[in-house]
Each structure stands twice: as C-alpha cells, then as structure tokens.
Amino acid sequence: MAIYEFEGRKPELGQDTYIHPSADVIGAVTIGANCWIGPGARLRGDYGTIIIGDGTSIEDNCVIHARPGEITRIGRNVTIGHGCVIHNATIKDHAVIGMGSVVSDWAQVGEWAVVGEGAVVRQGQEVPDGCIAVGVPARLLDKQVSEEYKAEWSNFKSIYQDLARRYPLGLKEVS
C-alpha cells in the first residue's frame, strides 16, 4: 500500500482498516476503524482534508479529494461503489453511492440516502436522508429507502468490513 505524508500532512488509519497495495492515501486523510480501501483507490489530502468514518468501504478505483483548506467528509458505514469520484462533498452515515457516480463540490448526501449507479450529484446539491437520487444530473425519486433495503445493505456493508479483516492474511502475490 502507498501511504504518503505530504508537506507535514500525514494520514491517520483506524484499527483493522485495510488498504489494498495498489491504493494511494496521501496527506491529511483520516480513515476510521474497520474500513476497506480497495484496489486502485486514490485518496488525496494534499491541500484539502478527507475524513472517513468507521466501517466504510471505498471500492476499487475511487477518487476522493477536497478543495484547498476544505474537507470531504464521509460518514460511518458508507458504501462508495467501484469507480466513484467524491470531491469536496459530505456523505452522511450509512449512505450508498452507486458504482461510477460523481458527488461534486459542496454536495450533501444524507443518512441512508442512495445515489444510483452513474448518477452525478451536482455542486451544492442535496440528497436528503433516506432519499434516492438517480440520473445525470441526479434527480430525486418519489420514494424513500425501505427498511428491507437498509437490512440488505447492512449485510453488504458487513461483507466489506469482514474483507478488511481477512485480506491482510489471505492476499498473496502470485509470481
């Protein structure tokens, strides 16, 4: 794994957090406990700050960054799907950001909110708690996240938390 200090800005990693060897964590990045940072992920706290809560999974090839002097905040038990870009935004606890989505500057994604695959949450846009946003640009659907969905996604989130514990012992490079 590539963990870099940059101009005195040093990453802080929580207990039992896994960072894949091909991921980069640079600068002022705080990652909570039991997190999963997947292959190819890039978390750059070079001139902004990134704060990630416990139990969150940042899947393969995600890019997370913040503007100078500002903060990208990602809550607890959040799922950031494969290939997402999160830039200078706030994502609250338990949210699900679908694969290939973009959450742009000053956007806010609420607790248990869902951003559908490939959606673009524009600058300053808000996805309220429990709401579902889809499309380009993202628009809110007329339905809320169900209790069944929450139960299903709680299970999915625990799978990545389990992988964070298993990968350090089970991942072996093959020549």
N, C-alpha and C. Protein backbone atom coordinates (compact mmCIF):
# COMPACT_ATOMS: atom_id res chain seq x y z
N MET A 1 0.85 -1.17 0.00
CA MET A 1 0.00 0.00 0.00
C MET A 1 0.89 1.23 0.00
N ALA A 2 0.41 2.27 -0.61
CA ALA A 2 1.17 3.51 -0.71
C ALA A 2 0.51 4.56 0.18
N ILE A 3 1.12 4.79 1.34
CA ILE A 3 0.63 5.80 2.27
C ILE A 3 1.71 6.85 2.38
N TYR A 4 1.34 8.09 2.05
CA TYR A 4 2.33 9.15 1.93
C TYR A 4 2.01 10.33 2.84
N GLU A 5 3.05 10.84 3.49
CA GLU A 5 2.97 12.14 4.12
C GLU A 5 3.27 13.17 3.03
N PHE A 6 2.58 14.31 3.08
CA PHE A 6 2.83 15.37 2.11
C PHE A 6 2.92 16.70 2.85
N GLU A 7 4.10 17.32 2.82
CA GLU A 7 4.33 18.62 3.45
C GLU A 7 3.80 18.66 4.88
N GLY A 8 4.13 17.61 5.64
CA GLY A 8 3.73 17.55 7.04
C GLY A 8 2.32 17.05 7.28
N ARG A 9 1.56 16.81 6.21
CA ARG A 9 0.19 16.30 6.32
C ARG A 9 0.27 14.78 6.22
N LYS A 10 -0.09 14.09 7.30
CA LYS A 10 0.13 12.65 7.39
C LYS A 10 -1.19 11.90 7.60
N PRO A 11 -1.41 10.81 6.85
CA PRO A 11 -2.62 10.01 7.05
C PRO A 11 -2.70 9.40 8.45
N GLU A 12 -3.92 9.24 8.94
CA GLU A 12 -4.19 8.54 10.20
C GLU A 12 -5.15 7.41 9.89
N LEU A 13 -4.77 6.19 10.27
CA LEU A 13 -5.54 5.00 9.92
C LEU A 13 -6.09 4.33 11.17
N GLY A 14 -7.37 3.98 11.11
CA GLY A 14 -8.01 3.31 12.24
C GLY A 14 -7.64 1.84 12.31
N GLN A 15 -7.90 1.26 13.47
CA GLN A 15 -7.60 -0.14 13.72
C GLN A 15 -8.40 -1.05 12.79
N ASP A 16 -7.74 -2.09 12.31
CA ASP A 16 -8.35 -3.11 11.44
C ASP A 16 -8.87 -2.54 10.13
N THR A 17 -8.31 -1.42 9.69
CA THR A 17 -8.62 -0.88 8.37
C THR A 17 -7.67 -1.50 7.37
N TYR A 18 -8.21 -1.89 6.22
CA TYR A 18 -7.39 -2.50 5.17
C TYR A 18 -7.27 -1.54 4.00
N ILE A 19 -6.04 -1.35 3.54
CA ILE A 19 -5.77 -0.55 2.35
C ILE A 19 -5.03 -1.44 1.37
N HIS A 20 -5.61 -1.63 0.20
CA HIS A 20 -5.01 -2.51 -0.81
C HIS A 20 -3.66 -1.97 -1.25
N PRO A 21 -2.71 -2.85 -1.58
CA PRO A 21 -1.38 -2.40 -2.00
C PRO A 21 -1.37 -1.45 -3.20
N SER A 22 -2.38 -1.50 -4.06
CA SER A 22 -2.39 -0.60 -5.22
C SER A 22 -3.16 0.70 -4.97
N ALA A 23 -3.65 0.89 -3.75
CA ALA A 23 -4.35 2.14 -3.40
C ALA A 23 -3.33 3.17 -2.91
N ASP A 24 -3.68 4.46 -3.04
CA ASP A 24 -2.84 5.55 -2.54
C ASP A 24 -3.63 6.36 -1.53
N VAL A 25 -3.00 6.64 -0.39
CA VAL A 25 -3.56 7.52 0.62
C VAL A 25 -2.49 8.58 0.88
N ILE A 26 -2.83 9.84 0.58
CA ILE A 26 -1.84 10.91 0.58
C ILE A 26 -2.31 12.06 1.47
N GLY A 27 -1.46 12.48 2.40
CA GLY A 27 -1.69 13.70 3.15
C GLY A 27 -2.70 13.59 4.26
N ALA A 28 -3.50 14.64 4.43
CA ALA A 28 -4.44 14.78 5.55
C ALA A 28 -5.69 13.95 5.30
N VAL A 29 -5.53 12.64 5.49
CA VAL A 29 -6.63 11.69 5.33
C VAL A 29 -6.76 10.93 6.64
N THR A 30 -7.94 10.99 7.23
CA THR A 30 -8.23 10.22 8.44
C THR A 30 -9.24 9.15 8.06
N ILE A 31 -8.88 7.89 8.31
CA ILE A 31 -9.74 6.76 7.99
C ILE A 31 -10.04 6.05 9.29
N GLY A 32 -11.32 5.84 9.57
CA GLY A 32 -11.74 5.19 10.81
C GLY A 32 -11.39 3.72 10.86
N ALA A 33 -11.89 3.04 11.88
CA ALA A 33 -11.64 1.62 12.09
C ALA A 33 -12.50 0.76 11.17
N ASN A 34 -12.00 -0.44 10.87
CA ASN A 34 -12.75 -1.45 10.12
C ASN A 34 -13.19 -0.98 8.74
N CYS A 35 -12.37 -0.16 8.10
CA CYS A 35 -12.68 0.31 6.75
C CYS A 35 -11.97 -0.54 5.71
N TRP A 36 -12.49 -0.51 4.51
CA TRP A 36 -11.94 -1.21 3.35
C TRP A 36 -11.62 -0.16 2.30
N ILE A 37 -10.37 -0.10 1.87
CA ILE A 37 -9.96 0.78 0.78
C ILE A 37 -9.47 -0.13 -0.34
N GLY A 38 -10.21 -0.21 -1.42
CA GLY A 38 -9.99 -1.21 -2.46
C GLY A 38 -8.88 -0.89 -3.44
N PRO A 39 -8.59 -1.85 -4.32
CA PRO A 39 -7.54 -1.69 -5.33
C PRO A 39 -7.76 -0.44 -6.18
N GLY A 40 -6.68 0.30 -6.40
CA GLY A 40 -6.71 1.45 -7.29
C GLY A 40 -7.35 2.70 -6.71
N ALA A 41 -7.83 2.65 -5.49
CA ALA A 41 -8.46 3.85 -4.90
C ALA A 41 -7.39 4.92 -4.67
N ARG A 42 -7.78 6.18 -4.83
CA ARG A 42 -6.87 7.32 -4.62
C ARG A 42 -7.54 8.30 -3.68
N LEU A 43 -6.96 8.49 -2.50
CA LEU A 43 -7.47 9.42 -1.50
C LEU A 43 -6.40 10.48 -1.31
N ARG A 44 -6.68 11.71 -1.80
CA ARG A 44 -5.66 12.76 -1.80
C ARG A 44 -6.03 13.90 -0.87
N GLY A 45 -5.35 13.92 0.27
CA GLY A 45 -5.49 15.03 1.21
C GLY A 45 -4.27 15.92 1.12
N ASP A 46 -3.90 16.29 -0.10
CA ASP A 46 -2.68 17.07 -0.31
C ASP A 46 -2.86 18.53 0.08
N TYR A 47 -3.98 19.14 -0.27
CA TYR A 47 -4.21 20.51 0.17
C TYR A 47 -5.59 20.69 0.79
N GLY A 48 -6.41 19.68 0.72
CA GLY A 48 -7.67 19.62 1.45
C GLY A 48 -7.57 18.48 2.45
N THR A 49 -8.66 18.21 3.15
CA THR A 49 -8.70 17.16 4.17
C THR A 49 -9.81 16.18 3.84
N ILE A 50 -9.55 14.90 4.12
CA ILE A 50 -10.55 13.85 3.93
C ILE A 50 -10.73 13.16 5.28
N ILE A 51 -11.98 13.00 5.69
CA ILE A 51 -12.29 12.30 6.94
C ILE A 51 -13.31 11.22 6.61
N ILE A 52 -12.98 9.97 6.97
CA ILE A 52 -13.83 8.81 6.67
C ILE A 52 -14.14 8.10 7.97
N GLY A 53 -15.42 7.84 8.22
CA GLY A 53 -15.85 7.20 9.46
C GLY A 53 -15.64 5.70 9.48
N ASP A 54 -15.85 5.10 10.63
CA ASP A 54 -15.67 3.67 10.85
C ASP A 54 -16.57 2.85 9.93
N GLY A 55 -16.05 1.68 9.51
CA GLY A 55 -16.85 0.70 8.79
C GLY A 55 -17.18 1.04 7.36
N THR A 56 -16.56 2.06 6.80
CA THR A 56 -16.86 2.50 5.44
C THR A 56 -16.03 1.73 4.42
N SER A 57 -16.64 1.44 3.27
CA SER A 57 -15.89 0.80 2.19
C SER A 57 -15.77 1.76 1.01
N ILE A 58 -14.53 1.93 0.56
CA ILE A 58 -14.21 2.72 -0.62
C ILE A 58 -13.73 1.69 -1.64
N GLU A 59 -14.57 1.38 -2.61
CA GLU A 59 -14.27 0.27 -3.50
C GLU A 59 -13.27 0.65 -4.59
N ASP A 60 -12.98 -0.30 -5.43
CA ASP A 60 -11.93 -0.20 -6.45
C ASP A 60 -12.05 1.06 -7.31
N ASN A 61 -10.89 1.70 -7.52
CA ASN A 61 -10.74 2.81 -8.47
C ASN A 61 -11.54 4.06 -8.15
N CYS A 62 -11.83 4.28 -6.90
CA CYS A 62 -12.49 5.53 -6.49
C CYS A 62 -11.45 6.63 -6.35
N VAL A 63 -11.89 7.87 -6.57
CA VAL A 63 -11.05 9.04 -6.35
C VAL A 63 -11.76 9.94 -5.35
N ILE A 64 -11.05 10.29 -4.28
CA ILE A 64 -11.62 11.17 -3.25
C ILE A 64 -10.62 12.30 -3.02
N HIS A 65 -11.12 13.55 -3.05
CA HIS A 65 -10.26 14.72 -2.95
C HIS A 65 -11.05 15.84 -2.30
N ALA A 66 -10.38 16.90 -1.90
CA ALA A 66 -11.03 18.08 -1.34
C ALA A 66 -10.34 19.34 -1.84
N ARG A 67 -11.07 20.42 -1.90
CA ARG A 67 -10.51 21.72 -2.31
C ARG A 67 -9.54 22.23 -1.24
N PRO A 68 -8.68 23.17 -1.61
CA PRO A 68 -7.72 23.72 -0.66
C PRO A 68 -8.40 24.26 0.61
N GLY A 69 -7.94 23.77 1.76
CA GLY A 69 -8.46 24.24 3.03
C GLY A 69 -9.85 23.75 3.37
N GLU A 70 -10.42 22.87 2.55
CA GLU A 70 -11.77 22.37 2.80
C GLU A 70 -11.74 20.89 3.13
N ILE A 71 -12.93 20.32 3.43
CA ILE A 71 -13.00 18.94 3.92
C ILE A 71 -14.01 18.14 3.12
N THR A 72 -13.60 16.95 2.71
CA THR A 72 -14.53 15.93 2.23
C THR A 72 -14.81 15.03 3.42
N ARG A 73 -16.08 14.90 3.79
CA ARG A 73 -16.47 14.08 4.94
C ARG A 73 -17.32 12.91 4.45
N ILE A 74 -16.91 11.72 4.86
CA ILE A 74 -17.66 10.52 4.54
C ILE A 74 -17.94 9.83 5.88
N GLY A 75 -19.19 9.57 6.16
CA GLY A 75 -19.60 9.07 7.46
C GLY A 75 -19.27 7.62 7.74
N ARG A 76 -19.93 7.08 8.73
CA ARG A 76 -19.75 5.69 9.16
C ARG A 76 -20.61 4.76 8.30
N ASN A 77 -20.05 3.57 8.04
CA ASN A 77 -20.79 2.51 7.34
C ASN A 77 -21.33 2.96 5.99
N VAL A 78 -20.56 3.76 5.29
CA VAL A 78 -20.92 4.23 3.95
C VAL A 78 -20.33 3.27 2.93
N THR A 79 -21.03 3.06 1.84
CA THR A 79 -20.51 2.29 0.72
C THR A 79 -20.29 3.24 -0.44
N ILE A 80 -19.04 3.34 -0.90
CA ILE A 80 -18.70 4.11 -2.09
C ILE A 80 -18.37 3.08 -3.16
N GLY A 81 -19.25 2.91 -4.14
CA GLY A 81 -19.12 1.86 -5.15
C GLY A 81 -17.95 2.06 -6.08
N HIS A 82 -17.63 1.01 -6.80
CA HIS A 82 -16.50 0.99 -7.73
C HIS A 82 -16.51 2.20 -8.66
N GLY A 83 -15.35 2.85 -8.79
CA GLY A 83 -15.17 3.90 -9.78
C GLY A 83 -15.84 5.23 -9.50
N CYS A 84 -16.18 5.52 -8.27
CA CYS A 84 -16.82 6.80 -7.94
C CYS A 84 -15.79 7.92 -7.79
N VAL A 85 -16.28 9.15 -7.98
CA VAL A 85 -15.49 10.34 -7.69
C VAL A 85 -16.26 11.14 -6.64
N ILE A 86 -15.59 11.39 -5.52
CA ILE A 86 -16.18 12.18 -4.44
C ILE A 86 -15.26 13.38 -4.27
N HIS A 87 -15.78 14.59 -4.50
CA HIS A 87 -14.91 15.77 -4.48
C HIS A 87 -15.51 16.85 -3.62
N ASN A 88 -14.88 17.08 -2.46
CA ASN A 88 -15.25 18.21 -1.60
C ASN A 88 -16.73 18.16 -1.18
N ALA A 89 -17.20 16.97 -0.87
CA ALA A 89 -18.61 16.76 -0.55
C ALA A 89 -18.74 16.19 0.85
N THR A 90 -19.99 16.08 1.32
CA THR A 90 -20.31 15.45 2.60
C THR A 90 -21.26 14.31 2.33
N ILE A 91 -20.89 13.13 2.82
CA ILE A 91 -21.74 11.95 2.70
C ILE A 91 -21.96 11.43 4.11
N LYS A 92 -23.20 11.36 4.52
CA LYS A 92 -23.54 11.01 5.90
C LYS A 92 -23.62 9.50 6.10
N ASP A 93 -23.75 9.09 7.37
CA ASP A 93 -23.73 7.68 7.76
C ASP A 93 -24.69 6.82 6.95
N HIS A 94 -24.22 5.62 6.63
CA HIS A 94 -24.99 4.54 6.00
C HIS A 94 -25.40 4.81 4.56
N ALA A 95 -24.96 5.90 3.97
CA ALA A 95 -25.32 6.19 2.57
C ALA A 95 -24.70 5.15 1.65
N VAL A 96 -25.30 5.01 0.47
CA VAL A 96 -24.79 4.13 -0.58
C VAL A 96 -24.61 4.97 -1.83
N ILE A 97 -23.37 5.00 -2.34
CA ILE A 97 -23.05 5.74 -3.56
C ILE A 97 -22.78 4.70 -4.63
N GLY A 98 -23.67 4.61 -5.62
CA GLY A 98 -23.59 3.56 -6.63
C GLY A 98 -22.37 3.68 -7.53
N MET A 99 -22.02 2.56 -8.13
CA MET A 99 -20.84 2.48 -8.98
C MET A 99 -20.83 3.57 -10.05
N GLY A 100 -19.66 4.17 -10.24
CA GLY A 100 -19.47 5.15 -11.31
C GLY A 100 -20.10 6.50 -11.06
N SER A 101 -20.57 6.76 -9.87
CA SER A 101 -21.22 8.03 -9.57
C SER A 101 -20.21 9.13 -9.27
N VAL A 102 -20.67 10.37 -9.41
CA VAL A 102 -19.88 11.54 -9.07
C VAL A 102 -20.68 12.34 -8.04
N VAL A 103 -20.03 12.69 -6.93
CA VAL A 103 -20.63 13.59 -5.94
C VAL A 103 -19.69 14.79 -5.88
N SER A 104 -20.17 15.93 -6.35
CA SER A 104 -19.32 17.08 -6.61
C SER A 104 -19.29 18.06 -5.44
N ASP A 105 -18.52 19.12 -5.63
CA ASP A 105 -18.23 20.12 -4.61
C ASP A 105 -19.46 20.60 -3.86
N TRP A 106 -19.33 20.59 -2.53
CA TRP A 106 -20.33 21.11 -1.59
C TRP A 106 -21.66 20.37 -1.64
N ALA A 107 -21.73 19.27 -2.36
CA ALA A 107 -22.94 18.44 -2.34
C ALA A 107 -23.04 17.74 -0.99
N GLN A 108 -24.28 17.39 -0.61
CA GLN A 108 -24.52 16.66 0.63
C GLN A 108 -25.43 15.49 0.33
N VAL A 109 -25.01 14.31 0.79
CA VAL A 109 -25.80 13.10 0.66
C VAL A 109 -26.16 12.67 2.08
N GLY A 110 -27.46 12.57 2.35
CA GLY A 110 -27.94 12.33 3.71
C GLY A 110 -27.78 10.91 4.20
N GLU A 111 -28.11 10.74 5.48
CA GLU A 111 -28.05 9.43 6.12
C GLU A 111 -29.00 8.46 5.41
N TRP A 112 -28.49 7.27 5.12
CA TRP A 112 -29.23 6.22 4.42
C TRP A 112 -29.75 6.68 3.05
N ALA A 113 -29.20 7.74 2.50
CA ALA A 113 -29.56 8.14 1.13
C ALA A 113 -28.82 7.25 0.15
N VAL A 114 -29.37 7.16 -1.06
CA VAL A 114 -28.79 6.34 -2.11
C VAL A 114 -28.59 7.19 -3.35
N VAL A 115 -27.38 7.12 -3.92
CA VAL A 115 -27.09 7.73 -5.21
C VAL A 115 -26.94 6.58 -6.18
N GLY A 116 -27.83 6.51 -7.17
CA GLY A 116 -27.83 5.39 -8.11
C GLY A 116 -26.59 5.34 -8.98
N GLU A 117 -26.33 4.18 -9.55
CA GLU A 117 -25.17 3.97 -10.39
C GLU A 117 -25.08 5.01 -11.49
N GLY A 118 -23.89 5.58 -11.66
CA GLY A 118 -23.64 6.53 -12.75
C GLY A 118 -24.25 7.90 -12.57
N ALA A 119 -24.85 8.16 -11.44
CA ALA A 119 -25.50 9.46 -11.23
C ALA A 119 -24.45 10.56 -10.99
N VAL A 120 -24.85 11.79 -11.26
CA VAL A 120 -23.99 12.95 -10.99
C VAL A 120 -24.74 13.88 -10.05
N VAL A 121 -24.25 13.93 -8.81
CA VAL A 121 -24.80 14.86 -7.82
C VAL A 121 -24.01 16.16 -7.99
N ARG A 122 -24.70 17.19 -8.45
CA ARG A 122 -24.04 18.46 -8.83
C ARG A 122 -23.54 19.24 -7.62
N GLN A 123 -22.72 20.24 -7.94
CA GLN A 123 -22.21 21.15 -6.90
C GLN A 123 -23.36 21.71 -6.07
N GLY A 124 -23.24 21.60 -4.75
CA GLY A 124 -24.21 22.19 -3.85
C GLY A 124 -25.54 21.46 -3.75
N GLN A 125 -25.73 20.39 -4.51
CA GLN A 125 -26.99 19.66 -4.49
C GLN A 125 -27.11 18.87 -3.20
N GLU A 126 -28.34 18.70 -2.70
CA GLU A 126 -28.57 17.91 -1.50
C GLU A 126 -29.47 16.72 -1.83
N VAL A 127 -29.04 15.55 -1.35
CA VAL A 127 -29.87 14.36 -1.38
C VAL A 127 -30.25 14.11 0.08
N PRO A 128 -31.52 14.39 0.46
CA PRO A 128 -31.91 14.30 1.87
C PRO A 128 -31.84 12.88 2.43
N ASP A 129 -31.85 12.79 3.75
CA ASP A 129 -31.84 11.50 4.44
C ASP A 129 -32.89 10.57 3.84
N GLY A 130 -32.47 9.32 3.58
CA GLY A 130 -33.41 8.28 3.13
C GLY A 130 -33.93 8.43 1.72
N CYS A 131 -33.45 9.41 0.97
CA CYS A 131 -33.93 9.62 -0.40
C CYS A 131 -33.03 8.90 -1.41
N ILE A 132 -33.57 8.75 -2.61
CA ILE A 132 -32.86 8.08 -3.70
C ILE A 132 -32.72 9.07 -4.84
N ALA A 133 -31.47 9.22 -5.33
CA ALA A 133 -31.20 10.14 -6.44
C ALA A 133 -30.59 9.34 -7.59
N VAL A 134 -31.08 9.59 -8.81
CA VAL A 134 -30.58 8.88 -9.98
C VAL A 134 -30.44 9.86 -11.14
N GLY A 135 -29.60 9.49 -12.12
CA GLY A 135 -29.53 10.23 -13.37
C GLY A 135 -28.43 11.26 -13.43
N VAL A 136 -28.38 11.89 -14.60
CA VAL A 136 -27.37 12.93 -14.90
C VAL A 136 -28.11 14.13 -15.47
N PRO A 137 -28.21 15.22 -14.72
CA PRO A 137 -27.83 15.35 -13.32
C PRO A 137 -28.79 14.56 -12.43
N ALA A 138 -28.36 14.28 -11.20
CA ALA A 138 -29.17 13.47 -10.28
C ALA A 138 -30.47 14.18 -9.95
N ARG A 139 -31.54 13.39 -9.94
CA ARG A 139 -32.84 13.90 -9.52
C ARG A 139 -33.41 12.94 -8.49
N LEU A 140 -34.22 13.47 -7.58
CA LEU A 140 -34.77 12.66 -6.51
C LEU A 140 -35.96 11.86 -7.01
N LEU A 141 -36.03 10.60 -6.61
CA LEU A 141 -37.20 9.78 -6.90
C LEU A 141 -38.27 10.04 -5.85
N ASP A 142 -39.50 9.69 -6.17
CA ASP A 142 -40.62 9.90 -5.25
C ASP A 142 -40.79 8.74 -4.29
N LYS A 143 -39.70 8.14 -3.85
CA LYS A 143 -39.81 7.08 -2.85
C LYS A 143 -38.62 7.16 -1.91
N GLN A 144 -38.81 6.58 -0.74
CA GLN A 144 -37.79 6.56 0.30
C GLN A 144 -37.14 5.18 0.35
N VAL A 145 -35.96 5.13 0.96
CA VAL A 145 -35.28 3.87 1.18
C VAL A 145 -36.10 3.06 2.18
N SER A 146 -36.37 1.80 1.84
CA SER A 146 -37.20 0.94 2.69
C SER A 146 -36.38 0.28 3.80
N GLU A 147 -37.08 -0.22 4.81
CA GLU A 147 -36.42 -0.96 5.89
C GLU A 147 -35.77 -2.23 5.34
N GLU A 148 -36.39 -2.86 4.35
CA GLU A 148 -35.81 -4.06 3.74
C GLU A 148 -34.49 -3.73 3.05
N TYR A 149 -34.45 -2.60 2.37
CA TYR A 149 -33.22 -2.16 1.70
C TYR A 149 -32.12 -1.92 2.75
N LYS A 150 -32.47 -1.26 3.83
CA LYS A 150 -31.50 -0.99 4.89
C LYS A 150 -30.93 -2.29 5.44
N ALA A 151 -31.79 -3.28 5.66
CA ALA A 151 -31.34 -4.58 6.19
C ALA A 151 -30.41 -5.26 5.19
N GLU A 152 -30.78 -5.26 3.92
CA GLU A 152 -29.96 -5.88 2.89
C GLU A 152 -28.59 -5.20 2.79
N TRP A 153 -28.59 -3.86 2.77
CA TRP A 153 -27.33 -3.13 2.64
C TRP A 153 -26.50 -3.19 3.91
N SER A 154 -27.12 -3.34 5.06
CA SER A 154 -26.34 -3.54 6.28
C SER A 154 -25.53 -4.83 6.16
N ASN A 155 -26.12 -5.86 5.56
CA ASN A 155 -25.40 -7.11 5.33
C ASN A 155 -24.26 -6.90 4.34
N PHE A 156 -24.52 -6.22 3.23
CA PHE A 156 -23.46 -5.95 2.24
C PHE A 156 -22.30 -5.19 2.88
N LYS A 157 -22.63 -4.21 3.71
CA LYS A 157 -21.59 -3.41 4.37
C LYS A 157 -20.74 -4.28 5.28
N SER A 158 -21.36 -5.24 5.96
CA SER A 158 -20.61 -6.12 6.85
C SER A 158 -19.68 -7.04 6.06
N ILE A 159 -20.01 -7.33 4.82
CA ILE A 159 -19.13 -8.16 3.99
C ILE A 159 -17.79 -7.46 3.77
N TYR A 160 -17.81 -6.17 3.46
CA TYR A 160 -16.57 -5.43 3.26
C TYR A 160 -15.81 -5.24 4.57
N GLN A 161 -16.52 -5.08 5.67
CA GLN A 161 -15.84 -4.98 6.96
C GLN A 161 -15.14 -6.30 7.28
N ASP A 162 -15.77 -7.42 6.92
CA ASP A 162 -15.15 -8.72 7.08
C ASP A 162 -13.93 -8.87 6.16
N LEU A 163 -14.05 -8.40 4.92
CA LEU A 163 -12.90 -8.46 4.00
C LEU A 163 -11.72 -7.66 4.54
N ALA A 164 -11.99 -6.54 5.20
CA ALA A 164 -10.91 -5.73 5.78
C ALA A 164 -10.11 -6.54 6.80
N ARG A 165 -10.77 -7.48 7.47
CA ARG A 165 -10.07 -8.33 8.43
C ARG A 165 -9.37 -9.51 7.75
N ARG A 166 -9.97 -10.04 6.66
CA ARG A 166 -9.44 -11.24 6.01
C ARG A 166 -8.31 -10.96 5.02
N TYR A 167 -8.36 -9.84 4.33
CA TYR A 167 -7.37 -9.55 3.28
C TYR A 167 -5.92 -9.52 3.76
N PRO A 168 -5.62 -8.91 4.91
CA PRO A 168 -4.20 -8.88 5.32
C PRO A 168 -3.57 -10.27 5.44
N LEU A 169 -4.37 -11.26 5.79
CA LEU A 169 -3.85 -12.61 5.95
C LEU A 169 -4.02 -13.46 4.69
N GLY A 170 -5.03 -13.17 3.89
CA GLY A 170 -5.35 -14.04 2.76
C GLY A 170 -4.84 -13.60 1.40
N LEU A 171 -4.43 -12.34 1.25
CA LEU A 171 -3.97 -11.84 -0.05
C LEU A 171 -2.51 -12.22 -0.24
N LYS A 172 -2.24 -13.00 -1.27
CA LYS A 172 -0.87 -13.45 -1.57
C LYS A 172 -0.55 -13.15 -3.02
N GLU A 173 0.61 -12.52 -3.23
CA GLU A 173 1.05 -12.24 -4.58
C GLU A 173 1.54 -13.54 -5.22
N VAL A 174 1.12 -13.78 -6.45
CA VAL A 174 1.50 -14.99 -7.18
C VAL A 174 2.46 -14.59 -8.29
N SER A 175 3.60 -15.32 -8.37
CA SER A 175 4.58 -14.99 -9.42
C SER A 175 4.36 -15.85 -10.63
